[in-house]
Each structure stands twice: as C-alpha cells, then as structure tokens.
Amino acid sequence: MKIWVNGGLHAAEGALVSVLDHGLTVGDGIFETVKTVHGRPFALTRHLDRLSRSARGLGLPEPDLDEVRRACAAVLDANPVDLGRLRITYTGGLSPLGSDRGEAGPTLVVAVGGTKRRPDTTAAITVPWTRNERGAVTGLKTTSYAENVVALARAREHGASEALFANTVGALCEGTGSNVFVVLDGELHTPPLASGCLAGITRALTAEWCGAHETDLPLDVLERADEIFLTSTLRDVQAVHRLDDRQLPAAPGPVTTKAMRVFEERAGADLDP
C-alpha cells in the first residue's frame, strides 16, 4: 500500500507522522471519507468544499485543494481497488503538548483501502448520549471521534451497525457516521442542519434528488415512522429493518426503495455531482 504524507507517496511502513502531531495529541484535525469506484472518487468536489469549511471552522490554514486532488489521484493510481474508501486527513501538524498549535504547518495524509457494498438493510439503536447542536465544532467533520467510537461499540453489542443520537433538546439528530431519514405518511423527512447533524454529502444529494423535507423531529419519531433509512458515503441509501426492539419487516419500504434506485442511477450517471 502507498500512502500520501506531506507531499509524496510512501510505502505504508514508511508513511510516518510525528507522535507530537496535534491530530494525535488533542484531535485537532479534520477528515473526509470519499467513496471510489474503479479508481475514481465520487463527489470529490463536494467533499473538498466541506474539507475547506471544516478547516475554517476549526481555525486551520486553508487546505491547498489542488494538492489534495493530486494526492488523491496519486494514491488511487498506486492502489487499484474496485470499490474503495479514500480517507483525507488534515491536522494541525507538529505542535507542543497541549491545546496550543505549533508553527510547523498542517499535516496532510491521504490513504485508500478496499471495501464492500453494504447490505440493503441494517439494524440501528438509539443511545442515551446527545449531540451538542451549539458546540464550537458542531457541523465540522473533525477527527475527534471518541464519542462515535463509544456509541458504535454499543451498537455492535446489540447486533446493530449504527447508533442514533438526539441533540440536547431531544430532537433527532444523526448517527455516528450517517444521517437519518424517516418516512411519515408517505413523505420523506430528515433533521435540519440546525439540529447539530453533519452536512452529509449523501444526505444533501438524497434530499435534492428525492425531495426530502428538512424537519425538526423528536427522537420518538423513530417509534412511529413508516420507514427509516440511513445515508453516508459508504452506505449510500440503506434501509433500517430494526431500530432498538422495533422491527420494520417490510424494509426497504416503497419510499426507501425509490430513494435507493434514484441515488444509484444519479450517482452512476455523474461521479462528481
């Protein structure tokens, strides 16, 4: 495997970042996960736009997007995979121990690994922890993922692949690495960005292509929704057949099935929508 680190490709065993990198010591970093199909990235422009927004929100220097594109191309050329997970990581770089940043400049790492197509349906759970819809890093895709690690481990213990959060006022927010959609009386709804959820790339495309409404929803909407599905870079559109102890045996339902078909067709027709 070849990995891009700070300006060039390196074999995996030589792709090294300092133990004093701020992304490691305090989680001062951002990232993007991009699906690749036969060596070509999907929706890369949207992902890089979000990378820049996250950098500005965290106070990191603006990333050189031309360099990031070159790094992605080099990594994909060096590591052929049919279906891949391309990971772009951008951190505060070499810094003192503590929260203050150093002056060495940011670190850029790009790597890719193979993945498999997700099942059409999955199980999810709700967790008692909340998202902070008013936090300093709300809406930014940062490397500070410890909350997600804990919640996802809880989901795995319950035979599920995702955990769903409410925010501090009890509204439905998002999953550890996905956005959530519900169907109510035949209409498609998803929480607004003001709920504190991440502005998911697949979320935005699904809402645009399928006509979803952004709606403030209480967490207990999951107990009465006709259909529930998740969206993310690697899930695309994935139906939920079990939420906690509630079974949705008809999953994927008709609205979800249509969303899955529309997303697959539109994404297949344009790799950079």
Foldseek 3Di string as FASTA:
>chain_A
DWKDKDHDTDDPVPRDADCQFCCNQPQAKFKDKFKAAQLHTFQVVVRLVLRQVLCVLSVAPRDPVVVVVVRSNVQSVVDGERIKIKMWMKGLGRADRDDDGDDPHIMIMIHMDYDDADDQEWAEEEDPDAAELPDSNQQHRTRPLPVQVVQQVVQVVVRTRWYWHFHPVQWTEQISAWFKWFADPNAIEGADSSRRHHPAPLVVVLCVQLVYYHDTGGPCVVVVTLWMWIDHNRNNTHTYQYYHHDGNPCPPDDSSVVSVVRSVVVCVVDRND
